[in-house]
């Protein structure tokens, strides 16, 4: 009997005879299940994208104003009787005039500016006018005088930071209604600020100091910047790059290519995988115990932060590097060994160059992860208030500093709303750095990628 004359298979139960052109109930249910699964996937992607958009809109909406600042432009007479009573222009004598001595000069110049405008506001006192200028102005004026002692006795135009509440008024953070119940600003000051803006003496422009200036006290939120935090983060990343990358790659090459397969290497591999899942704050406790309490390295120093982050980053780099080494086809190793290459030559001349894209990608992703860590840095004291910039390496690695994520945490703990704005701005800077690092990883991967 041939296949053509074979009887049809018996139909069991209530199954309907089918063909390629007719869907059975079972096929319909299966197709419906596939459509539901696709809908679930698209819904999950949509929810993820929507959450990301909401997060970015929130961060950008709160943080972009930090990159702009309100300034008061006015003429200031550098009174010789106050700044250089002896009249000898001796830098040592001029330096004896502290910041407090410059404050009355600035306040007097602000009061004269309001009077010259003819825009006096009822209820606005001389003290209120002076409070419209940031307390940072006295330090700025003192630095200018110390750098230019020959200009004492002349009248110069200066661009001073406005008070944080005045700045918030032009950014929509402060209103006339909120000023009535705010002890740090009054409606009269806001009216005077509006008139100064109309006259061109009060402007809002890009705030370069937000990226270059150090942190400021709670009384001067408008002067707070990320300069020290950015330098500290860069120094720590240099330490991590100099230690974690060569140690991690060397350990990966040995474990993957040279180490004997026994129970000792099995324990090492298990521990590396476990360390990759350990919470970052545990590495902070380890760094506090070893590097500060035992080795007596200085607290709040980039070298300690870099060492702690190196310990945290090593498992990530080792795991990604071993995965890259495993991805190289065994045929390439066999061919190299077959033409007489040694094990060392096979690894370093053939396997390692082919695995380099994955190694670099894993290393940069590990660095990006370390850049955003906060908990371990808090435990080693990098939350301290630091005004002075660290020096150049290597000495600067031991100077007090802070880091970008710690600076964000620090600002969110302060009560003034201007610090919350600056915290969101610092998050934007941190996200930009992370995006740039990931772009570098993609570029390096494409640059060194080899196909076989």
Protein backbone atom coordinates (compact mmCIF):
# COMPACT_ATOMS: atom_id res chain seq x y z
CA UNK A 1 0.00 0.00 0.00
CA UNK A 2 1.44 3.41 -0.97
CA UNK A 3 1.22 6.70 0.92
CA UNK A 4 -1.29 7.97 -1.59
CA UNK A 5 -3.73 5.17 -0.83
CA UNK A 6 -3.13 5.04 2.93
CA UNK A 7 -6.24 5.66 5.00
CA UNK A 8 -6.51 8.95 6.85
CA UNK A 9 -5.61 9.02 10.52
CA UNK A 10 -8.63 8.60 12.76
CA UNK A 11 -10.08 11.81 14.15
CA UNK A 12 -10.19 11.65 17.94
CA UNK A 13 -12.79 13.35 20.07
CA UNK A 14 -14.45 16.42 18.69
CA UNK A 15 -11.45 17.61 16.63
CA UNK A 16 -12.47 19.13 13.36
CA UNK A 17 -10.75 18.10 10.12
CA UNK A 18 -8.42 20.91 9.07
CA UNK A 19 -6.28 22.12 6.22
CA UNK A 20 -3.65 24.77 5.71
CA UNK A 21 -6.37 27.24 4.72
CA UNK A 22 -8.73 26.65 7.63
CA UNK A 23 -7.94 27.57 11.27
CA UNK A 24 -9.06 25.24 14.00
CA UNK A 25 -10.11 26.44 17.42
CA UNK A 26 -6.76 25.37 18.81
CA UNK A 27 -4.89 27.41 16.21
CA UNK A 28 -7.06 30.41 16.94
CA UNK A 29 -6.32 30.16 20.66
CA UNK A 30 -2.63 29.86 19.98
CA UNK A 31 -2.63 32.90 17.70
CA UNK A 32 -4.62 34.85 20.27
CA UNK A 33 -2.09 33.94 22.98
CA UNK A 34 0.75 35.15 20.75
CA UNK A 35 -1.03 38.44 20.15
CA UNK A 36 -1.58 38.89 23.88
CA UNK A 37 2.08 38.19 24.56
CA UNK A 38 3.11 40.78 21.98
CA UNK A 39 0.68 43.25 23.53
CA UNK A 40 2.17 42.60 26.98
CA UNK A 41 5.66 43.21 25.60
CA UNK A 42 4.66 46.42 23.85
CA UNK A 43 2.84 47.56 26.99
CA UNK A 44 5.93 46.91 29.14
CA UNK A 45 8.11 48.84 26.69
CA UNK A 46 5.59 51.68 26.63
CA UNK A 47 5.48 51.85 30.42
CA UNK A 48 9.27 51.88 30.57
CA UNK A 49 9.56 54.66 27.98
CA UNK A 50 6.84 56.67 29.71
CA UNK A 51 8.59 56.33 33.08
CA UNK A 52 11.87 57.42 31.51
CA UNK A 53 10.21 60.45 29.89
CA UNK A 54 8.57 61.44 33.19
CA UNK A 55 11.90 61.08 35.00
CA UNK A 56 13.81 63.13 32.43
CA UNK A 57 11.14 65.83 32.29
CA UNK A 58 11.15 66.08 36.08
CA UNK A 59 14.95 66.28 36.31
CA UNK A 60 15.31 68.72 33.42
CA UNK A 61 12.43 70.89 34.65
CA UNK A 62 13.97 71.19 38.12
CA UNK A 63 17.63 71.21 37.14
CA UNK A 64 17.98 73.36 34.02
CA UNK A 65 17.34 76.62 35.95
CA UNK A 66 20.52 75.89 37.93
CA UNK A 67 22.55 76.61 34.80
CA UNK A 68 21.26 80.19 34.80
CA UNK A 69 21.74 82.77 37.49
CA UNK A 70 20.52 86.28 38.23
CA UNK A 71 23.18 88.99 38.51
CA UNK A 72 23.11 92.60 39.66
CA UNK A 73 25.22 94.97 37.55
CA UNK A 74 26.25 98.15 39.36
CA UNK A 75 29.08 100.62 39.87
CA UNK A 76 31.11 100.34 43.05
CA UNK A 77 33.51 102.99 44.35
CA UNK A 78 36.56 101.37 45.92
CA UNK A 79 36.84 103.64 48.95
CA UNK A 80 40.49 104.23 49.71
CA UNK A 81 39.84 105.20 53.32
CA UNK A 82 38.41 101.74 53.96
CA UNK A 83 40.46 99.49 51.71
CA UNK A 84 43.87 101.17 52.05
CA UNK A 85 43.90 103.61 54.99
CA UNK A 86 47.68 104.11 54.77
CA UNK A 87 47.53 104.88 51.06
CA UNK A 88 50.72 102.93 50.30
CA UNK A 89 49.11 100.19 48.18
CA UNK A 90 50.96 97.58 50.18
CA UNK A 91 49.38 94.17 49.44
CA UNK A 92 49.93 93.05 53.02
CA UNK A 93 48.08 96.06 54.42
CA UNK A 94 45.25 95.67 51.89
CA UNK A 95 44.92 91.98 52.79
CA UNK A 96 44.28 92.94 56.42
CA UNK A 97 40.87 94.27 55.39
CA UNK A 98 38.62 91.24 55.82
CA UNK A 99 35.48 90.37 53.88
CA UNK A 100 33.35 92.14 56.47
CA UNK A 101 35.01 95.42 55.54
CA UNK A 102 33.81 95.14 51.96
CA UNK A 103 30.18 94.50 52.83
CA UNK A 104 29.31 98.17 53.68
CA UNK A 105 30.83 99.29 50.37
CA UNK A 106 28.61 96.91 48.40
CA UNK A 107 25.51 97.77 50.39
CA UNK A 108 26.13 101.49 49.88
CA UNK A 109 26.56 100.99 46.13
CA UNK A 110 23.28 99.02 45.97
CA UNK A 111 21.43 101.73 47.87
CA UNK A 112 22.80 104.43 45.58
CA UNK A 113 21.74 102.41 42.54
CA UNK A 114 18.12 102.18 43.73
CA UNK A 115 18.02 105.89 44.54
CA UNK A 116 19.52 106.91 41.20
CA UNK A 117 16.85 104.92 39.41
CA UNK A 118 14.17 106.94 41.13
CA UNK A 119 12.33 103.74 41.82
CA UNK A 120 12.15 103.78 45.58
CA UNK A 121 9.57 101.38 46.93
CA UNK A 122 7.43 102.20 49.94
CA UNK A 123 8.56 100.16 52.93
CA UNK A 124 11.91 99.24 51.34
CA UNK A 125 14.70 99.96 53.83
CA UNK A 126 18.42 100.30 53.19
CA UNK A 127 18.97 96.95 54.88
CA UNK A 128 16.52 95.26 52.51
CA UNK A 129 18.35 96.74 49.53
CA UNK A 130 21.66 95.40 50.77
CA UNK A 131 20.17 91.96 51.37
CA UNK A 132 19.23 91.72 47.69
CA UNK A 133 22.92 91.14 46.91
CA UNK A 134 24.50 87.76 47.60
CA UNK A 135 26.85 87.45 50.56
CA UNK A 136 29.35 86.06 48.05
CA UNK A 137 29.76 89.58 46.60
CA UNK A 138 32.05 90.74 49.43
CA UNK A 139 34.48 87.89 48.77
CA UNK A 140 34.37 88.56 45.03
CA UNK A 141 35.14 92.25 45.56
CA UNK A 142 37.98 91.47 47.97
CA UNK A 143 39.62 89.10 45.48
CA UNK A 144 39.36 91.78 42.80
CA UNK A 145 40.98 94.42 45.00
CA UNK A 146 43.82 92.11 46.05
CA UNK A 147 44.50 91.33 42.39
CA UNK A 148 44.22 95.00 41.30
CA UNK A 149 45.42 97.24 44.16
CA UNK A 150 46.12 100.13 41.76
CA UNK A 151 42.36 100.52 41.12
CA UNK A 152 41.63 101.49 44.72
CA UNK A 153 39.99 104.90 44.78
CA UNK A 154 38.30 104.44 41.40
CA UNK A 155 34.77 103.43 40.44
CA UNK A 156 34.40 100.11 38.66
CA UNK A 157 31.45 98.18 37.25
CA UNK A 158 30.82 94.81 38.88
CA UNK A 159 28.50 91.91 38.21
CA UNK A 160 27.43 90.42 41.54
CA UNK A 161 25.23 87.42 42.25
CA UNK A 162 21.73 88.33 43.38
CA UNK A 163 20.32 86.83 46.54
CA UNK A 164 18.92 83.30 46.14
CA UNK A 165 15.34 84.42 46.73
CA UNK A 166 15.66 87.21 44.13
CA UNK A 167 17.05 84.66 41.69
CA UNK A 168 14.17 82.32 42.52
CA UNK A 169 11.67 85.09 41.80
CA UNK A 170 12.86 85.40 38.20
CA UNK A 171 12.83 81.61 37.83
CA UNK A 172 9.27 81.27 39.13
CA UNK A 173 10.30 79.58 42.36
CA UNK A 174 9.38 82.60 44.52
CA UNK A 175 6.17 84.63 44.20
CA UNK A 176 4.73 87.73 45.80
CA UNK A 177 2.41 85.53 47.85
CA UNK A 178 5.23 83.32 49.15
CA UNK A 179 7.35 86.38 49.92
CA UNK A 180 4.72 87.61 52.38
CA UNK A 181 5.35 84.60 54.63
CA UNK A 182 9.08 84.21 53.90
CA UNK A 183 11.47 85.76 56.40
CA UNK A 184 14.32 85.75 53.84
CA UNK A 185 12.63 88.04 51.30
CA UNK A 186 9.88 90.65 51.19
CA UNK A 187 7.46 91.80 48.48
CA UNK A 188 9.17 95.20 48.54
CA UNK A 189 12.46 93.59 47.55
CA UNK A 190 10.78 91.75 44.68
CA UNK A 191 9.22 94.98 43.41
CA UNK A 192 12.61 96.69 43.55
CA UNK A 193 14.14 93.73 41.71
CA UNK A 194 11.55 94.08 38.94
CA UNK A 195 12.44 97.75 38.54
CA UNK A 196 16.15 96.95 38.46
CA UNK A 197 15.49 94.36 35.74
CA UNK A 198 13.50 96.89 33.70
CA UNK A 199 16.42 99.31 33.96
CA UNK A 200 18.89 96.66 32.81
CA UNK A 201 20.77 96.45 36.10
CA UNK A 202 19.51 92.97 36.90
CA UNK A 203 20.03 90.24 34.30
CA UNK A 204 19.77 86.46 34.08
CA UNK A 205 22.50 84.68 32.14
CA UNK A 206 24.42 81.39 31.93
CA UNK A 207 25.96 80.39 35.25
CA UNK A 208 29.46 79.10 34.55
CA UNK A 209 30.16 79.17 38.27
CA UNK A 210 27.75 76.27 38.76
CA UNK A 211 30.28 74.03 37.00
CA UNK A 212 33.49 75.62 38.32
CA UNK A 213 32.80 77.12 41.76
CA UNK A 214 33.12 75.16 45.02
CA UNK A 215 30.27 74.45 47.40
CA UNK A 216 28.81 77.28 49.46
CA UNK A 217 27.25 77.61 52.89
CA UNK A 218 23.54 77.50 53.62
CA UNK A 219 23.45 81.31 53.57
CA UNK A 220 24.73 81.51 49.97
CA UNK A 221 22.95 78.86 47.89
CA UNK A 222 23.24 81.02 44.78
CA UNK A 223 27.05 80.68 44.92
CA UNK A 224 27.19 76.88 45.29
CA UNK A 225 28.94 75.03 42.48
CA UNK A 226 30.23 71.63 41.40
CA UNK A 227 33.89 72.49 40.82
CA UNK A 228 35.35 70.50 43.73
CA UNK A 229 32.92 67.59 43.19
CA UNK A 230 33.80 67.28 39.49
CA UNK A 231 37.53 67.29 40.21
CA UNK A 232 37.07 64.74 42.99
CA UNK A 233 35.07 62.43 40.72
CA UNK A 234 37.68 62.71 37.96
CA UNK A 235 40.49 61.89 40.40
CA UNK A 236 38.64 58.84 41.70
CA UNK A 237 37.94 57.59 38.17
CA UNK A 238 41.66 57.93 37.37
CA UNK A 239 42.50 55.79 40.39
CA UNK A 240 39.88 53.19 39.42
CA UNK A 241 41.08 53.14 35.81
CA UNK A 242 44.74 52.79 36.82
CA UNK A 243 44.05 49.92 39.25
CA UNK A 244 40.87 48.09 38.30
CA UNK A 245 41.49 47.74 34.56
CA UNK A 246 44.98 46.12 34.59
CA UNK A 247 44.27 44.02 37.69
CA UNK A 248 40.87 42.90 36.44
CA UNK A 249 42.09 42.03 32.93
CA UNK A 250 45.16 40.21 34.25
CA UNK A 251 43.08 38.19 36.70
CA UNK A 252 40.58 37.31 33.95
CA UNK A 253 43.29 36.16 31.55
CA UNK A 254 44.86 33.95 34.18
CA UNK A 255 41.58 32.40 35.34
CA UNK A 256 40.30 31.81 31.83
CA UNK A 257 43.45 30.74 29.99
CA UNK A 258 46.15 29.60 32.40
CA UNK A 259 44.64 28.59 35.77
CA UNK A 260 44.18 24.86 36.36
CA UNK A 261 40.60 23.70 36.69
CA UNK A 262 40.38 22.53 40.29
CA UNK A 263 38.44 23.24 43.45
CA UNK A 264 40.58 26.27 44.30
CA UNK A 265 39.76 28.10 41.07
CA UNK A 266 36.13 27.04 41.47
CA UNK A 267 36.01 28.75 44.86
CA UNK A 268 37.65 31.87 43.41
CA UNK A 269 35.11 32.06 40.57
CA UNK A 270 32.19 31.61 42.95
CA UNK A 271 33.50 34.36 45.22
CA UNK A 272 33.98 36.74 42.29
CA UNK A 273 30.37 36.19 41.23
CA UNK A 274 29.21 36.73 44.82
CA UNK A 275 31.24 39.95 45.16
CA UNK A 276 29.53 41.34 42.08
CA UNK A 277 26.21 41.07 43.93
CA UNK A 278 27.40 42.50 47.26
CA UNK A 279 25.73 45.86 48.16
CA UNK A 280 28.05 48.79 47.59
CA UNK A 281 27.78 50.00 51.18
CA UNK A 282 29.61 46.84 52.28
CA UNK A 283 32.63 47.95 50.26
CA UNK A 284 32.39 51.29 52.06
CA UNK A 285 32.62 49.52 55.43
CA UNK A 286 35.58 47.53 54.12
CA UNK A 287 37.31 50.70 52.92
CA UNK A 288 36.68 52.42 56.25
CA UNK A 289 38.21 49.52 58.15
CA UNK A 290 41.24 48.92 55.91
CA UNK A 291 42.20 52.21 54.27
CA UNK A 292 41.27 54.66 57.03
CA UNK A 293 41.34 52.83 60.37
CA UNK A 294 44.24 50.48 59.52
CA UNK A 295 46.27 52.23 56.79
CA UNK A 296 45.50 55.70 58.24
CA UNK A 297 44.85 57.32 54.87
CA UNK A 298 43.09 60.70 55.07
CA UNK A 299 39.33 60.80 55.14
CA UNK A 300 37.42 62.45 52.32
CA UNK A 301 40.38 61.95 49.95
CA UNK A 302 40.03 60.84 46.31
CA UNK A 303 42.68 58.14 46.81
CA UNK A 304 40.51 56.39 49.43
CA UNK A 305 37.37 56.78 47.33
CA UNK A 306 39.22 55.43 44.29
CA UNK A 307 40.49 52.40 46.21
CA UNK A 308 37.02 51.59 47.54
CA UNK A 309 35.46 51.94 44.09
CA UNK A 310 38.26 49.80 42.64
CA UNK A 311 37.31 46.95 44.96
CA UNK A 312 33.69 47.37 43.95
CA UNK A 313 34.43 47.54 40.21
CA UNK A 314 36.89 44.62 39.98
CA UNK A 315 34.25 41.82 39.94
CA UNK A 316 32.34 43.56 37.14
CA UNK A 317 35.46 43.95 35.02
CA UNK A 318 36.60 40.36 35.66
CA UNK A 319 33.22 38.88 34.74
CA UNK A 320 32.86 40.96 31.55
CA UNK A 321 36.46 40.28 30.52
CA UNK A 322 36.09 36.52 30.96
CA UNK A 323 32.90 36.59 28.92
CA UNK A 324 34.76 38.43 26.15
CA UNK A 325 37.60 35.92 26.21
CA UNK A 326 35.13 33.02 26.02
CA UNK A 327 33.45 34.59 22.99
CA UNK A 328 36.60 34.15 20.87
CA UNK A 329 36.13 30.99 18.72
CA UNK A 330 38.27 28.04 19.86
CA UNK A 331 39.32 27.48 16.24
CA UNK A 332 41.45 30.64 16.39
CA UNK A 333 43.31 29.29 19.41
CA UNK A 334 43.74 25.90 17.78
CA UNK A 335 45.04 27.46 14.59
CA UNK A 336 47.60 29.56 16.47
CA UNK A 337 48.78 26.57 18.49
CA UNK A 338 48.85 24.48 15.32
CA UNK A 339 51.38 26.76 13.60
CA UNK A 340 53.72 26.65 16.59
CA UNK A 341 52.62 29.61 18.75
CA UNK A 342 53.08 29.23 22.47
CA UNK A 343 50.19 29.56 24.92
CA UNK A 344 51.33 33.06 25.84
CA UNK A 345 51.60 34.12 22.19
CA UNK A 346 48.19 32.66 21.41
CA UNK A 347 46.54 34.61 24.19
CA UNK A 348 48.26 37.98 23.73
CA UNK A 349 48.61 37.99 19.93
CA UNK A 350 45.26 36.50 18.94
CA UNK A 351 42.72 36.02 21.74
CA UNK A 352 43.21 39.30 23.61
CA UNK A 353 43.02 41.61 20.53
CA UNK A 354 39.80 39.91 19.42
CA UNK A 355 38.31 40.22 22.92
CA UNK A 356 39.40 43.85 23.35
CA UNK A 357 36.05 45.44 22.32
CA UNK A 358 34.17 43.54 24.98
CA UNK A 359 36.87 44.19 27.58
CA UNK A 360 36.83 47.94 26.98
CA UNK A 361 33.05 48.04 27.00
CA UNK A 362 32.87 46.17 30.30
CA UNK A 363 35.56 48.38 31.83
CA UNK A 364 33.82 51.62 30.87
CA UNK A 365 30.46 50.35 32.08
CA UNK A 366 32.13 49.41 35.37
CA UNK A 367 33.62 52.92 35.61
CA UNK A 368 30.22 54.45 34.89
CA UNK A 369 28.70 52.36 37.66
CA UNK A 370 31.43 53.50 40.05
CA UNK A 371 30.90 57.15 39.07
CA UNK A 372 27.32 57.05 40.32
CA UNK A 373 27.99 55.31 43.64
CA UNK A 374 27.20 57.23 46.82
CA UNK A 375 26.88 54.87 49.79
CA UNK A 376 30.55 53.75 50.04
CA UNK A 377 31.76 57.33 49.72
CA UNK A 378 29.55 58.48 52.57
CA UNK A 379 31.20 55.99 54.92
CA UNK A 380 34.72 57.25 54.16
CA UNK A 381 33.80 60.88 54.90
CA UNK A 382 33.45 62.37 51.44
CA UNK A 383 30.22 64.05 52.53
CA UNK A 384 32.28 66.74 54.28
CA UNK A 385 31.87 70.40 53.31
CA UNK A 386 34.91 71.21 51.14
CA UNK A 387 35.65 74.71 49.82
CA UNK A 388 39.26 74.34 48.64
CA UNK A 389 40.11 72.72 45.33
CA UNK A 390 42.36 69.65 45.53
CA UNK A 391 45.83 70.07 44.09
CA UNK A 392 47.25 68.42 41.00
CA UNK A 393 48.01 64.67 41.13
CA UNK A 394 49.61 62.88 42.82
CA UNK A 395 49.47 65.20 45.86
CA UNK A 396 45.90 66.19 45.05
CA UNK A 397 44.75 62.59 45.46
CA UNK A 398 45.30 62.98 49.21
CA UNK A 399 43.57 66.38 49.55
CA UNK A 400 40.02 66.65 50.92
CA UNK A 401 37.40 66.49 48.19
CA UNK A 402 33.91 65.28 47.41
CA UNK A 403 32.15 63.59 44.48
CA UNK A 404 29.20 64.34 42.25
CA UNK A 405 26.72 61.81 43.71
CA UNK A 406 27.71 62.80 47.25
CA UNK A 407 27.22 66.47 46.36
CA UNK A 408 23.72 65.66 45.13
CA UNK A 409 22.96 63.91 48.41
CA UNK A 410 24.43 66.82 50.39
CA UNK A 411 22.33 69.44 48.62
CA UNK A 412 19.09 67.49 48.99
CA UNK A 413 19.60 67.54 52.77
CA UNK A 414 19.60 71.36 52.95
CA UNK A 415 16.45 73.35 53.57
CA UNK A 416 16.78 76.15 51.03
CA UNK A 417 14.84 75.40 47.79
CA UNK A 418 17.75 76.74 45.75
CA UNK A 419 19.84 73.75 46.83
CA UNK A 420 17.19 71.35 45.55
CA UNK A 421 17.40 73.12 42.19
CA UNK A 422 21.16 72.71 42.22
CA UNK A 423 20.86 69.04 43.18
CA UNK A 424 18.74 68.45 40.07
CA UNK A 425 21.29 70.36 38.02
CA UNK A 426 24.08 68.17 39.42
CA UNK A 427 22.07 65.09 38.42
CA UNK A 428 21.97 66.44 34.86
CA UNK A 429 25.76 66.84 34.88
CA UNK A 430 26.14 63.31 36.24
CA UNK A 431 23.80 61.89 33.59
CA UNK A 432 25.72 63.72 30.85
CA UNK A 433 28.98 62.19 32.07
CA UNK A 434 27.41 58.72 32.16
CA UNK A 435 26.04 59.13 28.64
CA UNK A 436 29.45 60.27 27.40
CA UNK A 437 31.13 57.26 29.00
CA UNK A 438 28.65 54.91 27.36
CA UNK A 439 29.18 56.63 24.00
CA UNK A 440 32.93 56.11 24.41
CA UNK A 441 32.26 52.44 25.11
CA UNK A 442 30.20 52.12 21.93
CA UNK A 443 32.82 53.96 19.84
CA UNK A 444 35.66 51.83 21.18
CA UNK A 445 33.68 48.67 20.59
CA UNK A 446 33.07 49.61 16.96
CA UNK A 447 36.64 50.82 16.54
CA UNK A 448 38.29 47.59 17.72
CA UNK A 449 35.62 45.16 16.63
CA UNK A 450 36.83 42.39 14.35
CA UNK A 451 34.63 39.96 12.50
CA UNK A 452 35.53 36.37 11.68
